[in-house]
Amino acid sequence: MSLHFELVTPARQVRSEEVYMVVVPGTDGEFGVLEGHAPFMSTIKDGTIRVYRAAGASPEEIKVQGGFAEVGDKGLTVLAEHVEG
């Protein structure tokens, strides 16, 4: 079971990979996305995206600034205004 995760900025694609779960800093609070999540859109605030490659694994943290997230049939896409690193 895996979730397709893409992280992009206006300038480039930062990530495109299969993961277990992603936790996103939504403007109304953090939310986690697993495979099969219902379609959903949210703006995101400055913060940290946590990417879990497997169940129970320690997350990889990616700092982002602004943007939005969309969950659809193809997985989770995060369009961030800026990604550190």
PDB file of N, CA and C in Angstrom:
ATOM      1  N   MET A   1       0.845  -1.178   0.000  1.00  0.00           N
ATOM      2  CA  MET A   1       0.000   0.000   0.000  1.00  0.00           C
ATOM      3  C   MET A   1       0.890   1.241   0.000  1.00  0.00           C
ATOM      4  N   SER A   2       0.737   2.118  -0.994  1.00  0.00           N
ATOM      5  CA  SER A   2       1.574   3.303  -1.034  1.00  0.00           C
ATOM      6  C   SER A   2       0.806   4.481  -1.611  1.00  0.00           C
ATOM      7  N   LEU A   3       1.296   5.649  -1.278  1.00  0.00           N
ATOM      8  CA  LEU A   3       0.717   6.917  -1.702  1.00  0.00           C
ATOM      9  C   LEU A   3       1.704   7.586  -2.644  1.00  0.00           C
ATOM     10  N   HIS A   4       1.216   8.059  -3.788  1.00  0.00           N
ATOM     11  CA  HIS A   4       2.093   8.812  -4.681  1.00  0.00           C
ATOM     12  C   HIS A   4       2.145  10.253  -4.183  1.00  0.00           C
ATOM     13  N   PHE A   5       3.350  10.753  -3.907  1.00  0.00           N
ATOM     14  CA  PHE A   5       3.565  12.088  -3.350  1.00  0.00           C
ATOM     15  C   PHE A   5       4.418  12.907  -4.306  1.00  0.00           C
ATOM     16  N   GLU A   6       3.912  14.092  -4.643  1.00  0.00           N
ATOM     17  CA  GLU A   6       4.698  15.032  -5.447  1.00  0.00           C
ATOM     18  C   GLU A   6       4.792  16.349  -4.704  1.00  0.00           C
ATOM     19  N   LEU A   7       5.995  16.903  -4.680  1.00  0.00           N
ATOM     20  CA  LEU A   7       6.249  18.218  -4.091  1.00  0.00           C
ATOM     21  C   LEU A   7       6.867  19.073  -5.175  1.00  0.00           C
ATOM     22  N   VAL A   8       6.203  20.173  -5.497  1.00  0.00           N
ATOM     23  CA  VAL A   8       6.686  21.056  -6.558  1.00  0.00           C
ATOM     24  C   VAL A   8       6.682  22.504  -6.079  1.00  0.00           C
ATOM     25  N   THR A   9       7.544  23.299  -6.701  1.00  0.00           N
ATOM     26  CA  THR A   9       7.552  24.743  -6.516  1.00  0.00           C
ATOM     27  C   THR A   9       7.272  25.346  -7.885  1.00  0.00           C
ATOM     28  N   PRO A  10       7.044  26.651  -7.968  1.00  0.00           N
ATOM     29  CA  PRO A  10       6.849  27.252  -9.293  1.00  0.00           C
ATOM     30  C   PRO A  10       8.049  27.031 -10.220  1.00  0.00           C
ATOM     31  N   ALA A  11       9.235  26.798  -9.650  1.00  0.00           N
ATOM     32  CA  ALA A  11      10.449  26.655 -10.458  1.00  0.00           C
ATOM     33  C   ALA A  11      10.804  25.221 -10.842  1.00  0.00           C
ATOM     34  N   ARG A  12      10.416  24.231  -9.996  1.00  0.00           N
ATOM     35  CA  ARG A  12      10.886  22.864 -10.272  1.00  0.00           C
ATOM     36  C   ARG A  12      10.087  21.818  -9.509  1.00  0.00           C
ATOM     37  N   GLN A  13      10.246  20.579  -9.956  1.00  0.00           N
ATOM     38  CA  GLN A  13       9.694  19.447  -9.214  1.00  0.00           C
ATOM     39  C   GLN A  13      10.751  19.041  -8.194  1.00  0.00           C
ATOM     40  N   VAL A  14      10.368  19.007  -6.923  1.00  0.00           N
ATOM     41  CA  VAL A  14      11.302  18.676  -5.857  1.00  0.00           C
ATOM     42  C   VAL A  14      11.287  17.176  -5.562  1.00  0.00           C
ATOM     43  N   ARG A  15      10.089  16.572  -5.530  1.00  0.00           N
ATOM     44  CA  ARG A  15       9.931  15.149  -5.235  1.00  0.00           C
ATOM     45  C   ARG A  15       8.832  14.539  -6.075  1.00  0.00           C
ATOM     46  N   SER A  16       8.985  13.287  -6.405  1.00  0.00           N
ATOM     47  CA  SER A  16       7.930  12.472  -7.001  1.00  0.00           C
ATOM     48  C   SER A  16       8.251  11.038  -6.610  1.00  0.00           C
ATOM     49  N   GLU A  17       7.506  10.505  -5.624  1.00  0.00           N
ATOM     50  CA  GLU A  17       7.866   9.197  -5.081  1.00  0.00           C
ATOM     51  C   GLU A  17       6.673   8.521  -4.427  1.00  0.00           C
ATOM     52  N   GLU A  18       6.824   7.237  -4.176  1.00  0.00           N
ATOM     53  CA  GLU A  18       5.816   6.447  -3.472  1.00  0.00           C
ATOM     54  C   GLU A  18       6.204   6.414  -1.998  1.00  0.00           C
ATOM     55  N   VAL A  19       5.264   6.756  -1.121  1.00  0.00           N
ATOM     56  CA  VAL A  19       5.523   6.792   0.315  1.00  0.00           C
ATOM     57  C   VAL A  19       4.353   6.153   1.052  1.00  0.00           C
ATOM     58  N   TYR A  20       4.501   5.989   2.367  1.00  0.00           N
ATOM     59  CA  TYR A  20       3.425   5.429   3.191  1.00  0.00           C
ATOM     60  C   TYR A  20       2.419   6.513   3.592  1.00  0.00           C
ATOM     61  N   MET A  21       2.932   7.639   4.133  1.00  0.00           N
ATOM     62  CA  MET A  21       2.057   8.702   4.616  1.00  0.00           C
ATOM     63  C   MET A  21       2.798  10.028   4.596  1.00  0.00           C
ATOM     64  N   VAL A  22       2.038  11.116   4.407  1.00  0.00           N
ATOM     65  CA  VAL A  22       2.596  12.463   4.453  1.00  0.00           C
ATOM     66  C   VAL A  22       1.720  13.295   5.387  1.00  0.00           C
ATOM     67  N   VAL A  23       2.359  14.062   6.275  1.00  0.00           N
ATOM     68  CA  VAL A  23       1.655  14.992   7.161  1.00  0.00           C
ATOM     69  C   VAL A  23       1.990  16.399   6.693  1.00  0.00           C
ATOM     70  N   VAL A  24       0.929  17.174   6.431  1.00  0.00           N
ATOM     71  CA  VAL A  24       1.062  18.498   5.810  1.00  0.00           C
ATOM     72  C   VAL A  24       0.587  19.579   6.792  1.00  0.00           C
ATOM     73  N   PRO A  25       1.308  20.723   6.864  1.00  0.00           N
ATOM     74  CA  PRO A  25       0.887  21.814   7.751  1.00  0.00           C
ATOM     75  C   PRO A  25      -0.203  22.680   7.103  1.00  0.00           C
ATOM     76  N   GLY A  26      -1.447  22.244   7.175  1.00  0.00           N
ATOM     77  CA  GLY A  26      -2.553  23.001   6.601  1.00  0.00           C
ATOM     78  C   GLY A  26      -2.831  24.271   7.395  1.00  0.00           C
ATOM     79  N   THR A  27      -3.414  25.260   6.756  1.00  0.00           N
ATOM     80  CA  THR A  27      -3.715  26.511   7.459  1.00  0.00           C
ATOM     81  C   THR A  27      -4.753  26.303   8.559  1.00  0.00           C
ATOM     82  N   ASP A  28      -5.580  25.266   8.461  1.00  0.00           N
ATOM     83  CA  ASP A  28      -6.568  24.965   9.499  1.00  0.00           C
ATOM     84  C   ASP A  28      -6.084  23.859  10.438  1.00  0.00           C
ATOM     85  N   GLY A  29      -4.810  23.499  10.339  1.00  0.00           N
ATOM     86  CA  GLY A  29      -4.235  22.454  11.178  1.00  0.00           C
ATOM     87  C   GLY A  29      -3.568  21.386  10.337  1.00  0.00           C
ATOM     88  N   GLU A  30      -2.686  20.626  10.963  1.00  0.00           N
ATOM     89  CA  GLU A  30      -1.990  19.560  10.249  1.00  0.00           C
ATOM     90  C   GLU A  30      -2.958  18.465   9.832  1.00  0.00           C
ATOM     91  N   PHE A  31      -2.662  17.835   8.689  1.00  0.00           N
ATOM     92  CA  PHE A  31      -3.460  16.687   8.266  1.00  0.00           C
ATOM     93  C   PHE A  31      -2.552  15.641   7.651  1.00  0.00           C
ATOM     94  N   GLY A  32      -2.909  14.382   7.878  1.00  0.00           N
ATOM     95  CA  GLY A  32      -2.152  13.271   7.328  1.00  0.00           C
ATOM     96  C   GLY A  32      -2.879  12.659   6.146  1.00  0.00           C
ATOM     97  N   VAL A  33      -2.108  12.206   5.169  1.00  0.00           N
ATOM     98  CA  VAL A  33      -2.680  11.605   3.967  1.00  0.00           C
ATOM     99  C   VAL A  33      -2.070  10.216   3.759  1.00  0.00           C
ATOM    100  N   LEU A  34      -2.951   9.230   3.650  1.00  0.00           N
ATOM    101  CA  LEU A  34      -2.572   7.858   3.311  1.00  0.00           C
ATOM    102  C   LEU A  34      -3.185   7.504   1.962  1.00  0.00           C
ATOM    103  N   GLU A  35      -2.767   6.396   1.373  1.00  0.00           N
ATOM    104  CA  GLU A  35      -3.369   5.931   0.124  1.00  0.00           C
ATOM    105  C   GLU A  35      -4.881   5.777   0.315  1.00  0.00           C
ATOM    106  N   GLY A  36      -5.656   6.174  -0.670  1.00  0.00           N
ATOM    107  CA  GLY A  36      -7.102   6.017  -0.613  1.00  0.00           C
ATOM    108  C   GLY A  36      -7.829   7.165   0.066  1.00  0.00           C
ATOM    109  N   HIS A  37      -7.104   8.217   0.452  1.00  0.00           N
ATOM    110  CA  HIS A  37      -7.733   9.377   1.102  1.00  0.00           C
ATOM    111  C   HIS A  37      -8.750  10.004   0.163  1.00  0.00           C
ATOM    112  N   ALA A  38      -9.843  10.497   0.706  1.00  0.00           N
ATOM    113  CA  ALA A  38     -10.866  11.169  -0.100  1.00  0.00           C
ATOM    114  C   ALA A  38     -10.282  12.427  -0.739  1.00  0.00           C
ATOM    115  N   PRO A  39     -10.782  12.814  -1.920  1.00  0.00           N
ATOM    116  CA  PRO A  39     -10.313  14.047  -2.562  1.00  0.00           C
ATOM    117  C   PRO A  39     -10.458  15.237  -1.606  1.00  0.00           C
ATOM    118  N   PHE A  40      -9.453  16.120  -1.648  1.00  0.00           N
ATOM    119  CA  PHE A  40      -9.353  17.164  -0.627  1.00  0.00           C
ATOM    120  C   PHE A  40      -8.401  18.234  -1.127  1.00  0.00           C
ATOM    121  N   MET A  41      -8.680  19.485  -0.804  1.00  0.00           N
ATOM    122  CA  MET A  41      -7.749  20.578  -1.108  1.00  0.00           C
ATOM    123  C   MET A  41      -7.601  21.442   0.131  1.00  0.00           C
ATOM    124  N   SER A  42      -6.410  21.986   0.334  1.00  0.00           N
ATOM    125  CA  SER A  42      -6.157  22.856   1.475  1.00  0.00           C
ATOM    126  C   SER A  42      -5.016  23.803   1.147  1.00  0.00           C
ATOM    127  N   THR A  43      -5.097  25.006   1.679  1.00  0.00           N
ATOM    128  CA  THR A  43      -3.922  25.870   1.640  1.00  0.00           C
ATOM    129  C   THR A  43      -2.985  25.389   2.746  1.00  0.00           C
ATOM    130  N   ILE A  44      -1.697  25.680   2.573  1.00  0.00           N
ATOM    131  CA  ILE A  44      -0.736  25.277   3.599  1.00  0.00           C
ATOM    132  C   ILE A  44      -0.031  26.509   4.138  1.00  0.00           C
ATOM    133  N   LYS A  45       0.384  26.386   5.401  1.00  0.00           N
ATOM    134  CA  LYS A  45       1.106  27.486   6.034  1.00  0.00           C
ATOM    135  C   LYS A  45       2.588  27.133   6.086  1.00  0.00           C
ATOM    136  N   ASP A  46       3.404  28.122   6.413  1.00  0.00           N
ATOM    137  CA  ASP A  46       4.826  27.869   6.594  1.00  0.00           C
ATOM    138  C   ASP A  46       4.990  26.814   7.676  1.00  0.00           C
ATOM    139  N   GLY A  47       5.787  25.822   7.399  1.00  0.00           N
ATOM    140  CA  GLY A  47       5.966  24.751   8.380  1.00  0.00           C
ATOM    141  C   GLY A  47       6.754  23.599   7.810  1.00  0.00           C
ATOM    142  N   THR A  48       6.499  22.424   8.345  1.00  0.00           N
ATOM    143  CA  THR A  48       7.263  21.233   7.986  1.00  0.00           C
ATOM    144  C   THR A  48       6.343  20.136   7.484  1.00  0.00           C
ATOM    145  N   ILE A  49       6.656  19.621   6.301  1.00  0.00           N
ATOM    146  CA  ILE A  49       5.996  18.423   5.783  1.00  0.00           C
ATOM    147  C   ILE A  49       6.785  17.238   6.324  1.00  0.00           C
ATOM    148  N   ARG A  50       6.067  16.246   6.847  1.00  0.00           N
ATOM    149  CA  ARG A  50       6.716  15.033   7.335  1.00  0.00           C
ATOM    150  C   ARG A  50       6.359  13.875   6.415  1.00  0.00           C
ATOM    151  N   VAL A  51       7.386  13.255   5.851  1.00  0.00           N
ATOM    152  CA  VAL A  51       7.206  12.155   4.895  1.00  0.00           C
ATOM    153  C   VAL A  51       7.622  10.848   5.554  1.00  0.00           C
ATOM    154  N   TYR A  52       6.658   9.922   5.651  1.00  0.00           N
ATOM    155  CA  TYR A  52       6.917   8.598   6.214  1.00  0.00           C
ATOM    156  C   TYR A  52       7.033   7.608   5.057  1.00  0.00           C
ATOM    157  N   ARG A  53       8.206   7.018   4.886  1.00  0.00           N
ATOM    158  CA  ARG A  53       8.422   6.083   3.777  1.00  0.00           C
ATOM    159  C   ARG A  53       7.790   4.725   4.039  1.00  0.00           C
ATOM    160  N   ALA A  54       7.617   4.375   5.319  1.00  0.00           N
ATOM    161  CA  ALA A  54       7.013   3.089   5.683  1.00  0.00           C
ATOM    162  C   ALA A  54       6.283   3.258   7.015  1.00  0.00           C
ATOM    163  N   ALA A  55       5.343   2.372   7.296  1.00  0.00           N
ATOM    164  CA  ALA A  55       4.613   2.405   8.569  1.00  0.00           C
ATOM    165  C   ALA A  55       5.608   2.261   9.712  1.00  0.00           C
ATOM    166  N   GLY A  56       5.517   3.138  10.696  1.00  0.00           N
ATOM    167  CA  GLY A  56       6.395   3.062  11.854  1.00  0.00           C
ATOM    168  C   GLY A  56       7.778   3.657  11.652  1.00  0.00           C
ATOM    169  N   ALA A  57       8.082   4.118  10.451  1.00  0.00           N
ATOM    170  CA  ALA A  57       9.399   4.699  10.169  1.00  0.00           C
ATOM    171  C   ALA A  57       9.482   6.112  10.722  1.00  0.00           C
ATOM    172  N   SER A  58      10.692   6.570  10.972  1.00  0.00           N
ATOM    173  CA  SER A  58      10.888   7.965  11.362  1.00  0.00           C
ATOM    174  C   SER A  58      10.661   8.840  10.132  1.00  0.00           C
ATOM    175  N   PRO A  59      10.029   9.999  10.324  1.00  0.00           N
ATOM    176  CA  PRO A  59       9.731  10.833   9.162  1.00  0.00           C
ATOM    177  C   PRO A  59      10.932  11.635   8.677  1.00  0.00           C
ATOM    178  N   GLU A  60      10.928  11.912   7.386  1.00  0.00           N
ATOM    179  CA  GLU A  60      11.851  12.887   6.807  1.00  0.00           C
ATOM    180  C   GLU A  60      11.116  14.220   6.842  1.00  0.00           C
ATOM    181  N   GLU A  61      11.786  15.280   7.259  1.00  0.00           N
ATOM    182  CA  GLU A  61      11.144  16.584   7.372  1.00  0.00           C
ATOM    183  C   GLU A  61      11.607  17.512   6.263  1.00  0.00           C
ATOM    184  N   ILE A  62      10.639  18.197   5.652  1.00  0.00           N
ATOM    185  CA  ILE A  62      10.921  19.137   4.568  1.00  0.00           C
ATOM    186  C   ILE A  62      10.248  20.460   4.927  1.00  0.00           C
ATOM    187  N   LYS A  63      11.038  21.525   5.057  1.00  0.00           N
ATOM    188  CA  LYS A  63      10.481  22.831   5.401  1.00  0.00           C
ATOM    189  C   LYS A  63       9.917  23.500   4.151  1.00  0.00           C
ATOM    190  N   VAL A  64       8.685  24.011   4.281  1.00  0.00           N
ATOM    191  CA  VAL A  64       8.018  24.667   3.155  1.00  0.00           C
ATOM    192  C   VAL A  64       7.455  26.014   3.602  1.00  0.00           C
ATOM    193  N   GLN A  65       7.225  26.862   2.612  1.00  0.00           N
ATOM    194  CA  GLN A  65       6.591  28.154   2.871  1.00  0.00           C
ATOM    195  C   GLN A  65       5.417  28.304   1.931  1.00  0.00           C
ATOM    196  N   GLY A  66       4.217  28.439   2.492  1.00  0.00           N
ATOM    197  CA  GLY A  66       3.005  28.718   1.733  1.00  0.00           C
ATOM    198  C   GLY A  66       2.693  27.734   0.627  1.00  0.00           C
ATOM    199  N   GLY A  67       1.523  27.913   0.017  1.00  0.00           N
ATOM    200  CA  GLY A  67       1.129  27.092  -1.109  1.00  0.00           C
ATOM    201  C   GLY A  67      -0.181  26.385  -0.844  1.00  0.00           C
ATOM    202  N   PHE A  68      -0.357  25.249  -1.548  1.00  0.00           N
ATOM    203  CA  PHE A  68      -1.563  24.457  -1.335  1.00  0.00           C
ATOM    204  C   PHE A  68      -1.288  22.992  -1.585  1.00  0.00           C
ATOM    205  N   ALA A  69      -2.195  22.162  -1.073  1.00  0.00           N
ATOM    206  CA  ALA A  69      -2.083  20.709  -1.222  1.00  0.00           C
ATOM    207  C   ALA A  69      -3.375  20.198  -1.838  1.00  0.00           C
ATOM    208  N   GLU A  70      -3.238  19.205  -2.710  1.00  0.00           N
ATOM    209  CA  GLU A  70      -4.412  18.584  -3.317  1.00  0.00           C
ATOM    210  C   GLU A  70      -4.270  17.075  -3.259  1.00  0.00           C
ATOM    211  N   VAL A  71      -5.310  16.425  -2.732  1.00  0.00           N
ATOM    212  CA  VAL A  71      -5.372  14.968  -2.737  1.00  0.00           C
ATOM    213  C   VAL A  71      -6.379  14.579  -3.810  1.00  0.00           C
ATOM    214  N   GLY A  72      -5.966  13.708  -4.725  1.00  0.00           N
ATOM    215  CA  GLY A  72      -6.849  13.255  -5.789  1.00  0.00           C
ATOM    216  C   GLY A  72      -6.616  11.791  -6.089  1.00  0.00           C
ATOM    217  N   ASP A  73      -7.151  11.338  -7.216  1.00  0.00           N
ATOM    218  CA  ASP A  73      -7.012   9.933  -7.611  1.00  0.00           C
ATOM    219  C   ASP A  73      -5.555   9.506  -7.760  1.00  0.00           C
ATOM    220  N   LYS A  74      -4.685  10.453  -8.128  1.00  0.00           N
ATOM    221  CA  LYS A  74      -3.278  10.122  -8.373  1.00  0.00           C
ATOM    222  C   LYS A  74      -2.410  10.275  -7.145  1.00  0.00           C
ATOM    223  N   GLY A  75      -2.999  10.677  -6.000  1.00  0.00           N
ATOM    224  CA  GLY A  75      -2.217  10.824  -4.777  1.00  0.00           C
ATOM    225  C   GLY A  75      -2.228  12.244  -4.259  1.00  0.00           C
ATOM    226  N   LEU A  76      -1.133  12.638  -3.593  1.00  0.00           N
ATOM    227  CA  LEU A  76      -1.004  13.949  -2.976  1.00  0.00           C
ATOM    228  C   LEU A  76      -0.019  14.798  -3.754  1.00  0.00           C
ATOM    229  N   THR A  77      -0.451  15.999  -4.126  1.00  0.00           N
ATOM    230  CA  THR A  77       0.437  16.971  -4.750  1.00  0.00           C
ATOM    231  C   THR A  77       0.486  18.203  -3.863  1.00  0.00           C
ATOM    232  N   VAL A  78       1.694  18.627  -3.503  1.00  0.00           N
ATOM    233  CA  VAL A  78       1.876  19.856  -2.743  1.00  0.00           C
ATOM    234  C   VAL A  78       2.612  20.847  -3.639  1.00  0.00           C
ATOM    235  N   LEU A  79       1.984  22.008  -3.864  1.00  0.00           N
ATOM    236  CA  LEU A  79       2.617  23.094  -4.594  1.00  0.00           C
ATOM    237  C   LEU A  79       3.008  24.136  -3.557  1.00  0.00           C
ATOM    238  N   ALA A  80       4.286  24.204  -3.252  1.00  0.00           N
ATOM    239  CA  ALA A  80       4.796  25.118  -2.226  1.00  0.00           C
ATOM    240  C   ALA A  80       5.417  26.339  -2.887  1.00  0.00           C
ATOM    241  N   GLU A  81       5.222  27.489  -2.266  1.00  0.00           N
ATOM    242  CA  GLU A  81       5.843  28.708  -2.777  1.00  0.00           C
ATOM    243  C   GLU A  81       7.362  28.618  -2.695  1.00  0.00           C
ATOM    244  N   HIS A  82       7.851  27.969  -1.624  1.00  0.00           N
ATOM    245  CA  HIS A  82       9.305  27.812  -1.433  1.00  0.00           C
ATOM    246  C   HIS A  82       9.584  26.554  -0.621  1.00  0.00           C
ATOM    247  N   VAL A  83      10.616  25.827  -0.987  1.00  0.00           N
ATOM    248  CA  VAL A  83      11.075  24.656  -0.244  1.00  0.00           C
ATOM    249  C   VAL A  83      12.517  24.904   0.154  1.00  0.00           C
ATOM    250  N   GLU A  84      12.811  24.766   1.443  1.00  0.00           N
ATOM    251  CA  GLU A  84      14.190  24.948   1.906  1.00  0.00           C
ATOM    252  C   GLU A  84      15.008  23.702   1.600  1.00  0.00           C
ATOM    253  N   GLY A  85      16.246  23.949   1.182  1.00  0.00           N
ATOM    254  CA  GLY A  85      17.155  22.845   0.936  1.00  0.00           C
ATOM    255  C   GLY A  85      17.275  22.457  -0.442  1.00  0.00           C
TER     256      GLY A  85
END
